[in-house]
């Protein structure tokens, strides 16, 4: 779970970098919403995991997502997020609900970047 949270923080950092680099106002807004949401979602998920399982040893994230193209980034992030559902114990529906909120937020940004930017 530590790696999952670290990777979520790395995604937030990549979204912020893309937000600052874009020349598209729509992309700027979509990426701003995404990185703002990822911080809160990662924090809530980490706190819920720690509430059930104890403190996590979260390390500084390594950059694992592209920060050169917003659409590629959000597509990769969506695919990664979908694959991470298997990390969770199916009985931990509260944690899966938190993760589904992450996935939902990513797909909202994906929609905006692919269709409005």
C-alpha atoms as a PDB file:
ATOM      1  CA  UNK A   1       0.000   0.000   0.000  1.00  0.00           C
ATOM      2  CA  UNK A   2       2.949   2.329   0.598  1.00  0.00           C
ATOM      3  CA  UNK A   3       3.937   2.124  -3.059  1.00  0.00           C
ATOM      4  CA  UNK A   4       0.364   2.836  -4.156  1.00  0.00           C
ATOM      5  CA  UNK A   5       0.220   6.045  -2.123  1.00  0.00           C
ATOM      6  CA  UNK A   6       3.704   7.088  -3.286  1.00  0.00           C
ATOM      7  CA  UNK A   7       2.710   6.541  -6.907  1.00  0.00           C
ATOM      8  CA  UNK A   8      -0.443   8.576  -6.380  1.00  0.00           C
ATOM      9  CA  UNK A   9       1.710  11.436  -5.096  1.00  0.00           C
ATOM     10  CA  UNK A  10       3.951  11.040  -8.163  1.00  0.00           C
ATOM     11  CA  UNK A  11       0.863  11.308 -10.379  1.00  0.00           C
ATOM     12  CA  UNK A  12      -0.132  14.473  -8.566  1.00  0.00           C
ATOM     13  CA  UNK A  13       3.334  15.947  -9.202  1.00  0.00           C
ATOM     14  CA  UNK A  14       3.204  15.049 -12.908  1.00  0.00           C
ATOM     15  CA  UNK A  15      -0.256  16.607 -13.229  1.00  0.00           C
ATOM     16  CA  UNK A  16       0.999  19.792 -11.581  1.00  0.00           C
ATOM     17  CA  UNK A  17       3.986  20.023 -13.929  1.00  0.00           C
ATOM     18  CA  UNK A  18       1.728  19.523 -16.962  1.00  0.00           C
ATOM     19  CA  UNK A  19      -0.693  22.109 -15.542  1.00  0.00           C
ATOM     20  CA  UNK A  20       2.106  24.682 -15.459  1.00  0.00           C
ATOM     21  CA  UNK A  21       3.472  23.820 -18.931  1.00  0.00           C
ATOM     22  CA  UNK A  22       0.313  23.770 -21.001  1.00  0.00           C
ATOM     23  CA  UNK A  23      -0.698  26.592 -23.315  1.00  0.00           C
ATOM     24  CA  UNK A  24      -4.311  25.421 -23.368  1.00  0.00           C
ATOM     25  CA  UNK A  25      -6.630  27.081 -20.885  1.00  0.00           C
ATOM     26  CA  UNK A  26      -8.956  24.057 -20.844  1.00  0.00           C
ATOM     27  CA  UNK A  27      -6.037  21.689 -20.171  1.00  0.00           C
ATOM     28  CA  UNK A  28      -4.692  24.060 -17.529  1.00  0.00           C
ATOM     29  CA  UNK A  29      -8.028  23.987 -15.711  1.00  0.00           C
ATOM     30  CA  UNK A  30      -8.553  20.215 -16.077  1.00  0.00           C
ATOM     31  CA  UNK A  31      -5.055  19.432 -14.813  1.00  0.00           C
ATOM     32  CA  UNK A  32      -5.423  21.920 -11.962  1.00  0.00           C
ATOM     33  CA  UNK A  33      -8.611  20.200 -10.838  1.00  0.00           C
ATOM     34  CA  UNK A  34      -6.891  16.824 -11.130  1.00  0.00           C
ATOM     35  CA  UNK A  35      -3.814  17.638  -9.074  1.00  0.00           C
ATOM     36  CA  UNK A  36      -5.880  19.407  -6.415  1.00  0.00           C
ATOM     37  CA  UNK A  37      -8.169  16.390  -6.122  1.00  0.00           C
ATOM     38  CA  UNK A  38      -5.346  13.832  -6.094  1.00  0.00           C
ATOM     39  CA  UNK A  39      -3.808  15.387  -2.979  1.00  0.00           C
ATOM     40  CA  UNK A  40      -7.053  15.135  -1.015  1.00  0.00           C
ATOM     41  CA  UNK A  41      -7.890  11.663  -2.357  1.00  0.00           C
ATOM     42  CA  UNK A  42      -4.415  10.287  -1.574  1.00  0.00           C
ATOM     43  CA  UNK A  43      -4.540  11.776   1.909  1.00  0.00           C
ATOM     44  CA  UNK A  44      -7.968  10.314   2.672  1.00  0.00           C
ATOM     45  CA  UNK A  45      -6.993   6.900   1.329  1.00  0.00           C
ATOM     46  CA  UNK A  46      -3.715   6.834   3.282  1.00  0.00           C
ATOM     47  CA  UNK A  47      -5.475   7.833   6.501  1.00  0.00           C
ATOM     48  CA  UNK A  48      -8.140   5.155   6.024  1.00  0.00           C
ATOM     49  CA  UNK A  49      -5.512   2.492   5.308  1.00  0.00           C
ATOM     50  CA  UNK A  50      -3.542   3.554   8.379  1.00  0.00           C
ATOM     51  CA  UNK A  51      -6.695   3.544  10.478  1.00  0.00           C
ATOM     52  CA  UNK A  52      -7.246  -0.106   9.655  1.00  0.00           C
ATOM     53  CA  UNK A  53      -3.728  -1.485   9.185  1.00  0.00           C
ATOM     54  CA  UNK A  54      -1.384   0.892  11.025  1.00  0.00           C
ATOM     55  CA  UNK A  55       1.117   3.470   9.866  1.00  0.00           C
ATOM     56  CA  UNK A  56       2.467   3.255   6.340  1.00  0.00           C
ATOM     57  CA  UNK A  57       6.123   3.810   5.479  1.00  0.00           C
ATOM     58  CA  UNK A  58       5.468   6.149   2.573  1.00  0.00           C
ATOM     59  CA  UNK A  59       8.609   7.069   0.636  1.00  0.00           C
ATOM     60  CA  UNK A  60       9.277  10.040  -1.603  1.00  0.00           C
ATOM     61  CA  UNK A  61       7.620   9.182  -4.915  1.00  0.00           C
ATOM     62  CA  UNK A  62       9.624   8.353  -7.995  1.00  0.00           C
ATOM     63  CA  UNK A  63       8.454   9.831 -11.253  1.00  0.00           C
ATOM     64  CA  UNK A  64       6.614   7.041 -13.042  1.00  0.00           C
ATOM     65  CA  UNK A  65       4.237   9.034 -15.220  1.00  0.00           C
ATOM     66  CA  UNK A  66       5.018  11.082 -18.309  1.00  0.00           C
ATOM     67  CA  UNK A  67       4.946  14.809 -17.742  1.00  0.00           C
ATOM     68  CA  UNK A  68       5.347  15.750 -21.389  1.00  0.00           C
ATOM     69  CA  UNK A  69       1.874  15.133 -22.859  1.00  0.00           C
ATOM     70  CA  UNK A  70      -1.308  15.636 -20.844  1.00  0.00           C
ATOM     71  CA  UNK A  71      -3.483  13.202 -22.796  1.00  0.00           C
ATOM     72  CA  UNK A  72      -0.900  10.410 -22.667  1.00  0.00           C
ATOM     73  CA  UNK A  73      -0.402  11.100 -18.972  1.00  0.00           C
ATOM     74  CA  UNK A  74      -4.083  10.868 -18.111  1.00  0.00           C
ATOM     75  CA  UNK A  75      -4.578   7.741 -20.252  1.00  0.00           C
ATOM     76  CA  UNK A  76      -1.620   6.063 -18.525  1.00  0.00           C
ATOM     77  CA  UNK A  77      -2.902   7.190 -15.142  1.00  0.00           C
ATOM     78  CA  UNK A  78      -6.367   5.754 -15.843  1.00  0.00           C
ATOM     79  CA  UNK A  79      -4.916   2.407 -16.942  1.00  0.00           C
ATOM     80  CA  UNK A  80      -2.629   2.295 -13.900  1.00  0.00           C
ATOM     81  CA  UNK A  81      -5.481   3.181 -11.527  1.00  0.00           C
ATOM     82  CA  UNK A  82      -7.698   0.433 -12.952  1.00  0.00           C
ATOM     83  CA  UNK A  83      -4.920  -2.135 -12.485  1.00  0.00           C
ATOM     84  CA  UNK A  84      -4.388  -1.132  -8.850  1.00  0.00           C
ATOM     85  CA  UNK A  85      -7.858  -2.282  -7.750  1.00  0.00           C
ATOM     86  CA  UNK A  86      -6.328  -5.736  -7.284  1.00  0.00           C
ATOM     87  CA  UNK A  87      -4.066  -4.405  -4.523  1.00  0.00           C
ATOM     88  CA  UNK A  88      -7.050  -4.046  -2.207  1.00  0.00           C
ATOM     89  CA  UNK A  89      -8.676  -6.761  -0.130  1.00  0.00           C
ATOM     90  CA  UNK A  90     -12.192  -7.158  -1.580  1.00  0.00           C
ATOM     91  CA  UNK A  91     -13.563  -7.088   1.970  1.00  0.00           C
ATOM     92  CA  UNK A  92     -12.196  -3.549   2.422  1.00  0.00           C
ATOM     93  CA  UNK A  93     -15.088  -1.945   0.585  1.00  0.00           C
ATOM     94  CA  UNK A  94     -14.427   1.389   2.272  1.00  0.00           C
ATOM     95  CA  UNK A  95     -10.911   1.455   0.777  1.00  0.00           C
ATOM     96  CA  UNK A  96     -12.204   0.326  -2.606  1.00  0.00           C
ATOM     97  CA  UNK A  97     -14.723   3.151  -2.443  1.00  0.00           C
ATOM     98  CA  UNK A  98     -11.878   5.611  -1.848  1.00  0.00           C
ATOM     99  CA  UNK A  99     -10.000   4.096  -4.790  1.00  0.00           C
ATOM    100  CA  UNK A 100     -13.082   4.302  -6.999  1.00  0.00           C
ATOM    101  CA  UNK A 101     -13.153   8.031  -6.227  1.00  0.00           C
ATOM    102  CA  UNK A 102      -9.580   8.257  -7.511  1.00  0.00           C
ATOM    103  CA  UNK A 103     -10.528   6.394 -10.691  1.00  0.00           C
ATOM    104  CA  UNK A 104     -13.611   8.573 -11.188  1.00  0.00           C
ATOM    105  CA  UNK A 105     -11.550  11.750 -10.819  1.00  0.00           C
ATOM    106  CA  UNK A 106      -8.991  10.518 -13.346  1.00  0.00           C
ATOM    107  CA  UNK A 107     -11.665   9.650 -15.912  1.00  0.00           C
ATOM    108  CA  UNK A 108     -13.262  13.074 -15.465  1.00  0.00           C
ATOM    109  CA  UNK A 109      -9.909  14.689 -16.252  1.00  0.00           C
ATOM    110  CA  UNK A 110      -9.410  12.286 -19.170  1.00  0.00           C
ATOM    111  CA  UNK A 111     -12.753  13.325 -20.644  1.00  0.00           C
ATOM    112  CA  UNK A 112     -11.885  17.014 -20.349  1.00  0.00           C
ATOM    113  CA  UNK A 113      -8.392  16.632 -21.785  1.00  0.00           C
ATOM    114  CA  UNK A 114      -9.494  14.480 -24.730  1.00  0.00           C
ATOM    115  CA  UNK A 115     -12.603  16.450 -25.632  1.00  0.00           C
ATOM    116  CA  UNK A 116     -12.376  20.003 -24.339  1.00  0.00           C
ATOM    117  CA  UNK A 117      -8.715  20.966 -24.471  1.00  0.00           C
END
